[in-house]
């Protein structure tokens, strides 16, 4: 294995999606974290929230950046304040801020999250 090859991981599609208690009516795929690439200092995940589903209110000890790919629409709540989100929307939840997401449209909403922590 070359030096660069240890930083590239290909995951089989059937192994990517997992259900987690944090997401009701949805699932995520961990793309990079400290378990997949031990040197990683961040976690990158892809997730899907079905219509009527949500990522329940939670906090992190680090910042979270999300990019919403659509096609559905939703609402992001951070510290009690709610805003509509949808395709091509980037959002930020600061360290320690309670936040949640609800899929409010008729289609699933997909997103990519970057969390500055090697393991969640």
PDB file of N, CA and C in Angstrom:
ATOM      1  N   UNK A   1       0.856  -1.180   0.000  1.00  0.00           N
ATOM      2  CA  UNK A   1       0.000   0.000   0.000  1.00  0.00           C
ATOM      3  C   UNK A   1       0.899   1.239   0.000  1.00  0.00           C
ATOM      4  N   UNK A   2       0.586   2.186  -0.875  1.00  0.00           N
ATOM      5  CA  UNK A   2       1.346   3.424  -0.911  1.00  0.00           C
ATOM      6  C   UNK A   2       0.874   4.328   0.224  1.00  0.00           C
ATOM      7  N   UNK A   3       1.619   5.370   0.488  1.00  0.00           N
ATOM      8  CA  UNK A   3       1.268   6.307   1.562  1.00  0.00           C
ATOM      9  C   UNK A   3      -0.127   6.905   1.352  1.00  0.00           C
ATOM     10  N   UNK A   4      -0.416   7.322   0.137  1.00  0.00           N
ATOM     11  CA  UNK A   4      -1.713   7.969  -0.110  1.00  0.00           C
ATOM     12  C   UNK A   4      -2.876   6.977  -0.046  1.00  0.00           C
ATOM     13  N   UNK A   5      -2.644   5.727  -0.376  1.00  0.00           N
ATOM     14  CA  UNK A   5      -3.730   4.737  -0.371  1.00  0.00           C
ATOM     15  C   UNK A   5      -4.338   4.534   1.015  1.00  0.00           C
ATOM     16  N   UNK A   6      -3.595   4.762   2.073  1.00  0.00           N
ATOM     17  CA  UNK A   6      -4.165   4.564   3.409  1.00  0.00           C
ATOM     18  C   UNK A   6      -5.201   5.630   3.747  1.00  0.00           C
ATOM     19  N   UNK A   7      -5.257   6.716   2.963  1.00  0.00           N
ATOM     20  CA  UNK A   7      -6.223   7.780   3.201  1.00  0.00           C
ATOM     21  C   UNK A   7      -7.461   7.674   2.303  1.00  0.00           C
ATOM     22  N   UNK A   8      -7.534   6.654   1.486  1.00  0.00           N
ATOM     23  CA  UNK A   8      -8.669   6.472   0.587  1.00  0.00           C
ATOM     24  C   UNK A   8      -9.383   5.183   0.960  1.00  0.00           C
ATOM     25  N   UNK A   9     -10.656   5.285   1.304  1.00  0.00           N
ATOM     26  CA  UNK A   9     -11.442   4.119   1.687  1.00  0.00           C
ATOM     27  C   UNK A   9     -12.677   4.046   0.800  1.00  0.00           C
ATOM     28  N   UNK A  10     -12.908   2.902   0.215  1.00  0.00           N
ATOM     29  CA  UNK A  10     -14.124   2.688  -0.573  1.00  0.00           C
ATOM     30  C   UNK A  10     -15.015   1.756   0.232  1.00  0.00           C
ATOM     31  N   UNK A  11     -16.240   2.186   0.430  1.00  0.00           N
ATOM     32  CA  UNK A  11     -17.190   1.406   1.196  1.00  0.00           C
ATOM     33  C   UNK A  11     -18.204   0.761   0.270  1.00  0.00           C
ATOM     34  N   UNK A  12     -18.534  -0.513   0.495  1.00  0.00           N
ATOM     35  CA  UNK A  12     -19.567  -1.120  -0.347  1.00  0.00           C
ATOM     36  C   UNK A  12     -20.921  -0.485  -0.056  1.00  0.00           C
ATOM     37  N   UNK A  13     -21.735  -0.245  -1.090  1.00  0.00           N
ATOM     38  CA  UNK A  13     -23.026   0.434  -0.888  1.00  0.00           C
ATOM     39  C   UNK A  13     -23.906  -0.224   0.164  1.00  0.00           C
ATOM     40  N   UNK A  14     -23.922  -1.542   0.234  1.00  0.00           N
ATOM     41  CA  UNK A  14     -24.788  -2.211   1.201  1.00  0.00           C
ATOM     42  C   UNK A  14     -24.343  -1.999   2.643  1.00  0.00           C
ATOM     43  N   UNK A  15     -23.117  -1.565   2.861  1.00  0.00           N
ATOM     44  CA  UNK A  15     -22.614  -1.375   4.219  1.00  0.00           C
ATOM     45  C   UNK A  15     -22.686   0.078   4.672  1.00  0.00           C
ATOM     46  N   UNK A  16     -23.063   0.990   3.783  1.00  0.00           N
ATOM     47  CA  UNK A  16     -22.988   2.399   4.124  1.00  0.00           C
ATOM     48  C   UNK A  16     -24.111   2.882   5.018  1.00  0.00           C
ATOM     49  N   UNK A  17     -25.356   2.593   4.695  1.00  0.00           N
ATOM     50  CA  UNK A  17     -26.475   3.164   5.430  1.00  0.00           C
ATOM     51  C   UNK A  17     -26.695   2.454   6.756  1.00  0.00           C
ATOM     52  N   UNK A  18     -26.800   3.237   7.828  1.00  0.00           N
ATOM     53  CA  UNK A  18     -27.125   2.671   9.138  1.00  0.00           C
ATOM     54  C   UNK A  18     -28.235   3.513   9.765  1.00  0.00           C
ATOM     55  N   UNK A  19     -29.042   2.866  10.569  1.00  0.00           N
ATOM     56  CA  UNK A  19     -30.067   3.582  11.314  1.00  0.00           C
ATOM     57  C   UNK A  19     -29.500   3.928  12.676  1.00  0.00           C
ATOM     58  N   UNK A  20     -29.761   5.143  13.133  1.00  0.00           N
ATOM     59  CA  UNK A  20     -29.268   5.607  14.428  1.00  0.00           C
ATOM     60  C   UNK A  20     -30.433   6.216  15.207  1.00  0.00           C
ATOM     61  N   UNK A  21     -30.415   6.110  16.533  1.00  0.00           N
ATOM     62  CA  UNK A  21     -31.519   6.657  17.334  1.00  0.00           C
ATOM     63  C   UNK A  21     -31.727   8.160  17.155  1.00  0.00           C
ATOM     64  N   UNK A  22     -30.688   8.882  16.798  1.00  0.00           N
ATOM     65  CA  UNK A  22     -30.766  10.332  16.627  1.00  0.00           C
ATOM     66  C   UNK A  22     -31.698  10.738  15.479  1.00  0.00           C
ATOM     67  N   UNK A  23     -31.792   9.896  14.447  1.00  0.00           N
ATOM     68  CA  UNK A  23     -32.594  10.240  13.269  1.00  0.00           C
ATOM     69  C   UNK A  23     -33.839   9.361  13.232  1.00  0.00           C
ATOM     70  N   UNK A  24     -34.986   9.987  13.367  1.00  0.00           N
ATOM     71  CA  UNK A  24     -36.275   9.299  13.273  1.00  0.00           C
ATOM     72  C   UNK A  24     -36.743   9.350  11.832  1.00  0.00           C
ATOM     73  N   UNK A  25     -37.041   8.186  11.247  1.00  0.00           N
ATOM     74  CA  UNK A  25     -37.437   8.076   9.840  1.00  0.00           C
ATOM     75  C   UNK A  25     -36.312   8.544   8.918  1.00  0.00           C
ATOM     76  N   UNK A  26     -35.143   8.012   9.144  1.00  0.00           N
ATOM     77  CA  UNK A  26     -34.007   8.339   8.305  1.00  0.00           C
ATOM     78  C   UNK A  26     -32.815   7.484   8.667  1.00  0.00           C
ATOM     79  N   UNK A  27     -31.700   7.726   8.009  1.00  0.00           N
ATOM     80  CA  UNK A  27     -30.476   6.978   8.280  1.00  0.00           C
ATOM     81  C   UNK A  27     -29.272   7.763   7.795  1.00  0.00           C
ATOM     82  N   UNK A  28     -28.087   7.272   8.161  1.00  0.00           N
ATOM     83  CA  UNK A  28     -26.873   7.961   7.737  1.00  0.00           C
ATOM     84  C   UNK A  28     -25.826   6.973   7.264  1.00  0.00           C
ATOM     85  N   UNK A  29     -24.865   7.502   6.559  1.00  0.00           N
ATOM     86  CA  UNK A  29     -23.704   6.740   6.116  1.00  0.00           C
ATOM     87  C   UNK A  29     -22.473   7.511   6.562  1.00  0.00           C
ATOM     88  N   UNK A  30     -21.668   6.889   7.402  1.00  0.00           N
ATOM     89  CA  UNK A  30     -20.421   7.516   7.841  1.00  0.00           C
ATOM     90  C   UNK A  30     -19.417   7.368   6.703  1.00  0.00           C
ATOM     91  N   UNK A  31     -18.941   8.475   6.174  1.00  0.00           N
ATOM     92  CA  UNK A  31     -18.003   8.452   5.060  1.00  0.00           C
ATOM     93  C   UNK A  31     -16.560   8.455   5.550  1.00  0.00           C
ATOM     94  N   UNK A  32     -16.279   9.315   6.523  1.00  0.00           N
ATOM     95  CA  UNK A  32     -14.937   9.382   7.112  1.00  0.00           C
ATOM     96  C   UNK A  32     -15.095   9.669   8.592  1.00  0.00           C
ATOM     97  N   UNK A  33     -14.362   8.945   9.409  1.00  0.00           N
ATOM     98  CA  UNK A  33     -14.216   9.258  10.835  1.00  0.00           C
ATOM     99  C   UNK A  33     -12.964   8.551  11.331  1.00  0.00           C
ATOM    100  N   UNK A  34     -12.697   8.640  12.608  1.00  0.00           N
ATOM    101  CA  UNK A  34     -11.488   8.056  13.172  1.00  0.00           C
ATOM    102  C   UNK A  34     -11.451   6.539  13.116  1.00  0.00           C
ATOM    103  N   UNK A  35     -12.613   5.886  12.966  1.00  0.00           N
ATOM    104  CA  UNK A  35     -12.630   4.430  12.813  1.00  0.00           C
ATOM    105  C   UNK A  35     -12.262   4.020  11.399  1.00  0.00           C
ATOM    106  N   UNK A  36     -12.670   4.804  10.416  1.00  0.00           N
ATOM    107  CA  UNK A  36     -12.409   4.477   9.016  1.00  0.00           C
ATOM    108  C   UNK A  36     -10.994   4.878   8.620  1.00  0.00           C
ATOM    109  N   UNK A  37     -10.595   6.088   8.989  1.00  0.00           N
ATOM    110  CA  UNK A  37      -9.228   6.572   8.753  1.00  0.00           C
ATOM    111  C   UNK A  37      -8.707   7.072  10.099  1.00  0.00           C
ATOM    112  N   UNK A  38      -7.875   6.311  10.789  1.00  0.00           N
ATOM    113  CA  UNK A  38      -7.441   6.664  12.145  1.00  0.00           C
ATOM    114  C   UNK A  38      -6.849   8.062  12.285  1.00  0.00           C
ATOM    115  N   UNK A  39      -6.237   8.595  11.240  1.00  0.00           N
ATOM    116  CA  UNK A  39      -5.632   9.926  11.319  1.00  0.00           C
ATOM    117  C   UNK A  39      -6.645  11.055  11.190  1.00  0.00           C
ATOM    118  N   UNK A  40      -7.875  10.750  10.850  1.00  0.00           N
ATOM    119  CA  UNK A  40      -8.900  11.786  10.628  1.00  0.00           C
ATOM    120  C   UNK A  40      -9.221  12.502  11.934  1.00  0.00           C
ATOM    121  N   UNK A  41      -9.313  13.830  11.872  1.00  0.00           N
ATOM    122  CA  UNK A  41      -9.687  14.608  13.055  1.00  0.00           C
ATOM    123  C   UNK A  41     -11.110  15.137  12.948  1.00  0.00           C
ATOM    124  N   UNK A  42     -11.841  14.678  11.906  1.00  0.00           N
ATOM    125  CA  UNK A  42     -13.213  15.108  11.681  1.00  0.00           C
ATOM    126  C   UNK A  42     -14.048  13.924  11.224  1.00  0.00           C
ATOM    127  N   UNK A  43     -15.359  14.089  11.321  1.00  0.00           N
ATOM    128  CA  UNK A  43     -16.283  13.082  10.802  1.00  0.00           C
ATOM    129  C   UNK A  43     -17.080  13.705   9.667  1.00  0.00           C
ATOM    130  N   UNK A  44     -17.234  12.964   8.594  1.00  0.00           N
ATOM    131  CA  UNK A  44     -18.013  13.397   7.446  1.00  0.00           C
ATOM    132  C   UNK A  44     -19.065  12.329   7.193  1.00  0.00           C
ATOM    133  N   UNK A  45     -20.336  12.739   7.186  1.00  0.00           N
ATOM    134  CA  UNK A  45     -21.395  11.761   6.979  1.00  0.00           C
ATOM    135  C   UNK A  45     -22.426  12.268   5.990  1.00  0.00           C
ATOM    136  N   UNK A  46     -23.096  11.325   5.383  1.00  0.00           N
ATOM    137  CA  UNK A  46     -24.164  11.577   4.425  1.00  0.00           C
ATOM    138  C   UNK A  46     -25.432  11.058   5.072  1.00  0.00           C
ATOM    139  N   UNK A  47     -26.519  11.809   5.032  1.00  0.00           N
ATOM    140  CA  UNK A  47     -27.727  11.320   5.678  1.00  0.00           C
ATOM    141  C   UNK A  47     -28.976  11.650   4.880  1.00  0.00           C
ATOM    142  N   UNK A  48     -30.016  10.915   5.210  1.00  0.00           N
ATOM    143  CA  UNK A  48     -31.314  11.032   4.536  1.00  0.00           C
ATOM    144  C   UNK A  48     -32.379  11.076   5.619  1.00  0.00           C
ATOM    145  N   UNK A  49     -33.289  12.049   5.507  1.00  0.00           N
ATOM    146  CA  UNK A  49     -34.421  12.140   6.422  1.00  0.00           C
ATOM    147  C   UNK A  49     -35.687  12.087   5.579  1.00  0.00           C
ATOM    148  N   UNK A  50     -36.518  11.087   5.849  1.00  0.00           N
ATOM    149  CA  UNK A  50     -37.763  10.896   5.109  1.00  0.00           C
ATOM    150  C   UNK A  50     -38.785  11.975   5.483  1.00  0.00           C
ATOM    151  N   UNK A  51     -39.771  12.229   4.614  1.00  0.00           N
ATOM    152  CA  UNK A  51     -40.825  13.182   4.953  1.00  0.00           C
ATOM    153  C   UNK A  51     -41.448  12.848   6.315  1.00  0.00           C
ATOM    154  N   UNK A  52     -41.587  13.854   7.151  1.00  0.00           N
ATOM    155  CA  UNK A  52     -42.121  13.659   8.490  1.00  0.00           C
ATOM    156  C   UNK A  52     -41.093  13.196   9.499  1.00  0.00           C
ATOM    157  N   UNK A  53     -39.894  12.904   9.043  1.00  0.00           N
ATOM    158  CA  UNK A  53     -38.827  12.453   9.937  1.00  0.00           C
ATOM    159  C   UNK A  53     -38.047  13.619  10.501  1.00  0.00           C
ATOM    160  N   UNK A  54     -37.136  13.304  11.414  1.00  0.00           N
ATOM    161  CA  UNK A  54     -36.332  14.365  12.020  1.00  0.00           C
ATOM    162  C   UNK A  54     -35.055  13.832  12.636  1.00  0.00           C
ATOM    163  N   UNK A  55     -34.089  14.717  12.742  1.00  0.00           N
ATOM    164  CA  UNK A  55     -32.932  14.504  13.600  1.00  0.00           C
ATOM    165  C   UNK A  55     -33.316  15.198  14.904  1.00  0.00           C
ATOM    166  N   UNK A  56     -33.522  14.416  15.949  1.00  0.00           N
ATOM    167  CA  UNK A  56     -34.059  14.953  17.197  1.00  0.00           C
ATOM    168  C   UNK A  56     -33.092  15.957  17.828  1.00  0.00           C
ATOM    169  N   UNK A  57     -33.595  16.843  18.693  1.00  0.00           N
ATOM    170  CA  UNK A  57     -32.716  17.843  19.316  1.00  0.00           C
ATOM    171  C   UNK A  57     -31.509  17.194  19.994  1.00  0.00           C
ATOM    172  N   UNK A  58     -30.344  17.761  19.701  1.00  0.00           N
ATOM    173  CA  UNK A  58     -29.097  17.235  20.266  1.00  0.00           C
ATOM    174  C   UNK A  58     -28.036  18.333  20.260  1.00  0.00           C
ATOM    175  N   UNK A  59     -26.929  18.057  20.916  1.00  0.00           N
ATOM    176  CA  UNK A  59     -25.794  18.981  20.949  1.00  0.00           C
ATOM    177  C   UNK A  59     -24.519  18.214  20.628  1.00  0.00           C
ATOM    178  N   UNK A  60     -23.487  18.958  20.286  1.00  0.00           N
ATOM    179  CA  UNK A  60     -22.142  18.404  20.099  1.00  0.00           C
ATOM    180  C   UNK A  60     -21.176  19.299  20.864  1.00  0.00           C
ATOM    181  N   UNK A  61     -20.069  18.749  21.235  1.00  0.00           N
ATOM    182  CA  UNK A  61     -19.022  19.540  21.900  1.00  0.00           C
ATOM    183  C   UNK A  61     -18.108  20.217  20.884  1.00  0.00           C
ATOM    184  N   UNK A  62     -18.517  20.157  19.629  1.00  0.00           N
ATOM    185  CA  UNK A  62     -17.772  20.773  18.526  1.00  0.00           C
ATOM    186  C   UNK A  62     -18.777  21.386  17.556  1.00  0.00           C
ATOM    187  N   UNK A  63     -18.313  22.245  16.641  1.00  0.00           N
ATOM    188  CA  UNK A  63     -19.183  22.841  15.628  1.00  0.00           C
ATOM    189  C   UNK A  63     -19.648  21.780  14.632  1.00  0.00           C
ATOM    190  N   UNK A  64     -20.817  22.017  14.036  1.00  0.00           N
ATOM    191  CA  UNK A  64     -21.330  21.148  12.975  1.00  0.00           C
ATOM    192  C   UNK A  64     -21.715  22.012  11.781  1.00  0.00           C
ATOM    193  N   UNK A  65     -21.263  21.590  10.605  1.00  0.00           N
ATOM    194  CA  UNK A  65     -21.616  22.257   9.361  1.00  0.00           C
ATOM    195  C   UNK A  65     -22.373  21.248   8.507  1.00  0.00           C
ATOM    196  N   UNK A  66     -23.535  21.654   7.991  1.00  0.00           N
ATOM    197  CA  UNK A  66     -24.332  20.776   7.140  1.00  0.00           C
ATOM    198  C   UNK A  66     -24.559  21.444   5.793  1.00  0.00           C
ATOM    199  N   UNK A  67     -24.610  20.625   4.755  1.00  0.00           N
ATOM    200  CA  UNK A  67     -24.996  21.113   3.438  1.00  0.00           C
ATOM    201  C   UNK A  67     -26.153  20.265   2.972  1.00  0.00           C
ATOM    202  N   UNK A  68     -27.282  20.896   2.687  1.00  0.00           N
ATOM    203  CA  UNK A  68     -28.519  20.214   2.330  1.00  0.00           C
ATOM    204  C   UNK A  68     -28.617  20.097   0.815  1.00  0.00           C
ATOM    205  N   UNK A  69     -28.786  18.867   0.351  1.00  0.00           N
ATOM    206  CA  UNK A  69     -28.782  18.581  -1.067  1.00  0.00           C
ATOM    207  C   UNK A  69     -30.168  18.519  -1.680  1.00  0.00           C
ATOM    208  N   UNK A  70     -31.220  18.496  -0.855  1.00  0.00           N
ATOM    209  CA  UNK A  70     -32.576  18.365  -1.381  1.00  0.00           C
ATOM    210  C   UNK A  70     -32.892  16.901  -1.643  1.00  0.00           C
ATOM    211  N   UNK A  71     -33.893  16.548  -2.411  1.00  0.00           N
ATOM    212  CA  UNK A  71     -34.802  17.461  -3.075  1.00  0.00           C
ATOM    213  C   UNK A  71     -35.859  18.027  -2.134  1.00  0.00           C
ATOM    214  N   UNK A  72     -36.000  17.413  -0.952  1.00  0.00           N
ATOM    215  CA  UNK A  72     -37.034  17.842  -0.017  1.00  0.00           C
ATOM    216  C   UNK A  72     -36.713  19.153   0.672  1.00  0.00           C
ATOM    217  N   UNK A  73     -37.638  19.535   1.531  1.00  0.00           N
ATOM    218  CA  UNK A  73     -37.482  20.761   2.316  1.00  0.00           C
ATOM    219  C   UNK A  73     -37.579  20.409   3.788  1.00  0.00           C
ATOM    220  N   UNK A  74     -37.126  21.331   4.611  1.00  0.00           N
ATOM    221  CA  UNK A  74     -37.173  21.059   6.036  1.00  0.00           C
ATOM    222  C   UNK A  74     -37.072  22.321   6.859  1.00  0.00           C
ATOM    223  N   UNK A  75     -36.929  22.101   8.156  1.00  0.00           N
ATOM    224  CA  UNK A  75     -36.747  23.192   9.108  1.00  0.00           C
ATOM    225  C   UNK A  75     -35.590  22.848  10.023  1.00  0.00           C
ATOM    226  N   UNK A  76     -34.709  23.787  10.199  1.00  0.00           N
ATOM    227  CA  UNK A  76     -33.605  23.675  11.147  1.00  0.00           C
ATOM    228  C   UNK A  76     -33.941  24.532  12.353  1.00  0.00           C
ATOM    229  N   UNK A  77     -33.802  23.964  13.534  1.00  0.00           N
ATOM    230  CA  UNK A  77     -33.979  24.719  14.767  1.00  0.00           C
ATOM    231  C   UNK A  77     -32.661  24.705  15.527  1.00  0.00           C
ATOM    232  N   UNK A  78     -32.178  25.886  15.872  1.00  0.00           N
ATOM    233  CA  UNK A  78     -30.959  26.034  16.667  1.00  0.00           C
ATOM    234  C   UNK A  78     -31.301  26.921  17.855  1.00  0.00           C
ATOM    235  N   UNK A  79     -31.133  26.378  19.062  1.00  0.00           N
ATOM    236  CA  UNK A  79     -31.413  27.122  20.295  1.00  0.00           C
ATOM    237  C   UNK A  79     -32.792  27.778  20.269  1.00  0.00           C
ATOM    238  N   UNK A  80     -33.802  27.020  19.792  1.00  0.00           N
ATOM    239  CA  UNK A  80     -35.175  27.497  19.819  1.00  0.00           C
ATOM    240  C   UNK A  80     -35.605  28.360  18.649  1.00  0.00           C
ATOM    241  N   UNK A  81     -34.686  28.729  17.771  1.00  0.00           N
ATOM    242  CA  UNK A  81     -35.030  29.546  16.599  1.00  0.00           C
ATOM    243  C   UNK A  81     -35.063  28.660  15.363  1.00  0.00           C
ATOM    244  N   UNK A  82     -36.138  28.755  14.564  1.00  0.00           N
ATOM    245  CA  UNK A  82     -36.365  27.867  13.426  1.00  0.00           C
ATOM    246  C   UNK A  82     -36.311  28.634  12.116  1.00  0.00           C
ATOM    247  N   UNK A  83     -35.706  27.976  11.101  1.00  0.00           N
ATOM    248  CA  UNK A  83     -35.624  28.548   9.758  1.00  0.00           C
ATOM    249  C   UNK A  83     -35.825  27.436   8.737  1.00  0.00           C
ATOM    250  N   UNK A  84     -36.403  27.770   7.598  1.00  0.00           N
ATOM    251  CA  UNK A  84     -36.609  26.796   6.529  1.00  0.00           C
ATOM    252  C   UNK A  84     -35.282  26.501   5.836  1.00  0.00           C
ATOM    253  N   UNK A  85     -35.124  25.236   5.445  1.00  0.00           N
ATOM    254  CA  UNK A  85     -33.937  24.819   4.694  1.00  0.00           C
ATOM    255  C   UNK A  85     -34.397  23.999   3.499  1.00  0.00           C
ATOM    256  N   UNK A  86     -33.526  23.870   2.521  1.00  0.00           N
ATOM    257  CA  UNK A  86     -33.824  23.069   1.340  1.00  0.00           C
ATOM    258  C   UNK A  86     -32.574  22.894   0.507  1.00  0.00           C
ATOM    259  N   UNK A  87     -32.781  22.512  -0.731  1.00  0.00           N
ATOM    260  CA  UNK A  87     -31.675  22.247  -1.637  1.00  0.00           C
ATOM    261  C   UNK A  87     -30.714  23.424  -1.702  1.00  0.00           C
ATOM    262  N   UNK A  88     -29.418  23.098  -1.688  1.00  0.00           N
ATOM    263  CA  UNK A  88     -28.332  24.080  -1.787  1.00  0.00           C
ATOM    264  C   UNK A  88     -28.306  25.067  -0.631  1.00  0.00           C
ATOM    265  N   UNK A  89     -28.635  24.593   0.557  1.00  0.00           N
ATOM    266  CA  UNK A  89     -28.579  25.410   1.772  1.00  0.00           C
ATOM    267  C   UNK A  89     -27.464  24.883   2.663  1.00  0.00           C
ATOM    268  N   UNK A  90     -26.616  25.760   3.141  1.00  0.00           N
ATOM    269  CA  UNK A  90     -25.581  25.392   4.110  1.00  0.00           C
ATOM    270  C   UNK A  90     -25.998  25.923   5.473  1.00  0.00           C
ATOM    271  N   UNK A  91     -25.799  25.127   6.510  1.00  0.00           N
ATOM    272  CA  UNK A  91     -26.176  25.541   7.860  1.00  0.00           C
ATOM    273  C   UNK A  91     -25.031  25.267   8.824  1.00  0.00           C
ATOM    274  N   UNK A  92     -25.085  25.954   9.961  1.00  0.00           N
ATOM    275  CA  UNK A  92     -24.024  25.860  10.964  1.00  0.00           C
ATOM    276  C   UNK A  92     -24.666  25.785  12.346  1.00  0.00           C
ATOM    277  N   UNK A  93     -24.235  24.836  13.142  1.00  0.00           N
ATOM    278  CA  UNK A  93     -24.666  24.750  14.541  1.00  0.00           C
ATOM    279  C   UNK A  93     -23.409  24.859  15.406  1.00  0.00           C
ATOM    280  N   UNK A  94     -23.281  25.926  16.178  1.00  0.00           N
ATOM    281  CA  UNK A  94     -22.069  26.104  16.978  1.00  0.00           C
ATOM    282  C   UNK A  94     -21.944  25.062  18.091  1.00  0.00           C
ATOM    283  N   UNK A  95     -20.745  24.877  18.523  1.00  0.00           N
ATOM    284  CA  UNK A  95     -20.427  23.994  19.642  1.00  0.00           C
ATOM    285  C   UNK A  95     -21.399  24.242  20.798  1.00  0.00           C
ATOM    286  N   UNK A  96     -22.013  23.154  21.295  1.00  0.00           N
ATOM    287  CA  UNK A  96     -22.885  23.242  22.459  1.00  0.00           C
ATOM    288  C   UNK A  96     -24.305  23.708  22.184  1.00  0.00           C
ATOM    289  N   UNK A  97     -24.620  24.132  20.950  1.00  0.00           N
ATOM    290  CA  UNK A  97     -25.964  24.632  20.635  1.00  0.00           C
ATOM    291  C   UNK A  97     -26.918  23.460  20.386  1.00  0.00           C
ATOM    292  N   UNK A  98     -28.069  23.488  21.042  1.00  0.00           N
ATOM    293  CA  UNK A  98     -29.078  22.456  20.798  1.00  0.00           C
ATOM    294  C   UNK A  98     -29.687  22.712  19.428  1.00  0.00           C
ATOM    295  N   UNK A  99     -29.700  21.665  18.580  1.00  0.00           N
ATOM    296  CA  UNK A  99     -30.224  21.817  17.228  1.00  0.00           C
ATOM    297  C   UNK A  99     -30.948  20.551  16.783  1.00  0.00           C
ATOM    298  N   UNK A 100     -31.844  20.737  15.820  1.00  0.00           N
ATOM    299  CA  UNK A 100     -32.608  19.622  15.255  1.00  0.00           C
ATOM    300  C   UNK A 100     -33.023  19.983  13.841  1.00  0.00           C
ATOM    301  N   UNK A 101     -33.440  18.970  13.094  1.00  0.00           N
ATOM    302  CA  UNK A 101     -33.887  19.163  11.719  1.00  0.00           C
ATOM    303  C   UNK A 101     -35.133  18.321  11.500  1.00  0.00           C
ATOM    304  N   UNK A 102     -36.128  18.887  10.841  1.00  0.00           N
ATOM    305  CA  UNK A 102     -37.337  18.154  10.465  1.00  0.00           C
ATOM    306  C   UNK A 102     -37.503  18.226   8.960  1.00  0.00           C
ATOM    307  N   UNK A 103     -37.858  17.086   8.351  1.00  0.00           N
ATOM    308  CA  UNK A 103     -38.184  17.051   6.923  1.00  0.00           C
ATOM    309  C   UNK A 103     -39.657  17.380   6.789  1.00  0.00           C
ATOM    310  N   UNK A 104     -39.971  18.527   6.219  1.00  0.00           N
ATOM    311  CA  UNK A 104     -41.350  19.004   6.181  1.00  0.00           C
ATOM    312  C   UNK A 104     -42.013  18.851   4.818  1.00  0.00           C
ATOM    313  N   UNK A 105     -41.249  18.524   3.796  1.00  0.00           N
ATOM    314  CA  UNK A 105     -41.810  18.423   2.451  1.00  0.00           C
ATOM    315  C   UNK A 105     -42.339  17.031   2.149  1.00  0.00           C
ATOM    316  N   UNK A 106     -42.680  16.816   0.887  1.00  0.00           N
ATOM    317  CA  UNK A 106     -43.201  15.534   0.426  1.00  0.00           C
ATOM    318  C   UNK A 106     -42.105  14.582  -0.040  1.00  0.00           C
ATOM    319  N   UNK A 107     -40.876  15.056  -0.078  1.00  0.00           N
ATOM    320  CA  UNK A 107     -39.750  14.236  -0.531  1.00  0.00           C
ATOM    321  C   UNK A 107     -38.688  14.196   0.565  1.00  0.00           C
ATOM    322  N   UNK A 108     -37.844  13.164   0.545  1.00  0.00           N
ATOM    323  CA  UNK A 108     -36.760  13.106   1.533  1.00  0.00           C
ATOM    324  C   UNK A 108     -35.805  14.282   1.351  1.00  0.00           C
ATOM    325  N   UNK A 109     -35.131  14.621   2.419  1.00  0.00           N
ATOM    326  CA  UNK A 109     -34.065  15.615   2.334  1.00  0.00           C
ATOM    327  C   UNK A 109     -32.748  14.903   2.626  1.00  0.00           C
ATOM    328  N   UNK A 110     -31.760  15.176   1.806  1.00  0.00           N
ATOM    329  CA  UNK A 110     -30.439  14.585   1.949  1.00  0.00           C
ATOM    330  C   UNK A 110     -29.472  15.671   2.389  1.00  0.00           C
ATOM    331  N   UNK A 111     -28.479  15.290   3.174  1.00  0.00           N
ATOM    332  CA  UNK A 111     -27.494  16.260   3.609  1.00  0.00           C
ATOM    333  C   UNK A 111     -26.144  15.626   3.833  1.00  0.00           C
ATOM    334  N   UNK A 112     -25.155  16.465   3.910  1.00  0.00           N
ATOM    335  CA  UNK A 112     -23.791  16.070   4.251  1.00  0.00           C
ATOM    336  C   UNK A 112     -23.413  16.877   5.484  1.00  0.00           C
ATOM    337  N   UNK A 113     -22.899  16.196   6.500  1.00  0.00           N
ATOM    338  CA  UNK A 113     -22.498  16.876   7.728  1.00  0.00           C
ATOM    339  C   UNK A 113     -21.005  16.723   7.949  1.00  0.00           C
ATOM    340  N   UNK A 114     -20.372  17.805   8.373  1.00  0.00           N
ATOM    341  CA  UNK A 114     -18.968  17.806   8.767  1.00  0.00           C
ATOM    342  C   UNK A 114     -18.912  18.204  10.228  1.00  0.00           C
ATOM    343  N   UNK A 115     -18.379  17.312  11.040  1.00  0.00           N
ATOM    344  CA  UNK A 115     -18.265  17.566  12.465  1.00  0.00           C
ATOM    345  C   UNK A 115     -16.803  17.426  12.857  1.00  0.00           C
ATOM    346  N   UNK A 116     -16.282  18.447  13.497  1.00  0.00           N
ATOM    347  CA  UNK A 116     -14.852  18.482  13.821  1.00  0.00           C
ATOM    348  C   UNK A 116     -14.576  17.625  15.059  1.00  0.00           C
ATOM    349  N   UNK A 117     -14.739  16.324  14.887  1.00  0.00           N
ATOM    350  CA  UNK A 117     -14.437  15.339  15.928  1.00  0.00           C
ATOM    351  C   UNK A 117     -14.177  14.018  15.218  1.00  0.00           C
ATOM    352  N   UNK A 118     -13.177  13.271  15.622  1.00  0.00           N
ATOM    353  CA  UNK A 118     -12.867  12.020  14.913  1.00  0.00           C
ATOM    354  C   UNK A 118     -13.898  10.932  15.147  1.00  0.00           C
ATOM    355  N   UNK A 119     -14.625  10.997  16.263  1.00  0.00           N
ATOM    356  CA  UNK A 119     -15.634   9.985  16.565  1.00  0.00           C
ATOM    357  C   UNK A 119     -16.821  10.652  17.230  1.00  0.00           C
ATOM    358  N   UNK A 120     -18.003  10.152  16.933  1.00  0.00           N
ATOM    359  CA  UNK A 120     -19.221  10.711  17.504  1.00  0.00           C
ATOM    360  C   UNK A 120     -19.791   9.798  18.562  1.00  0.00           C
TER     361      UNK A 120
END
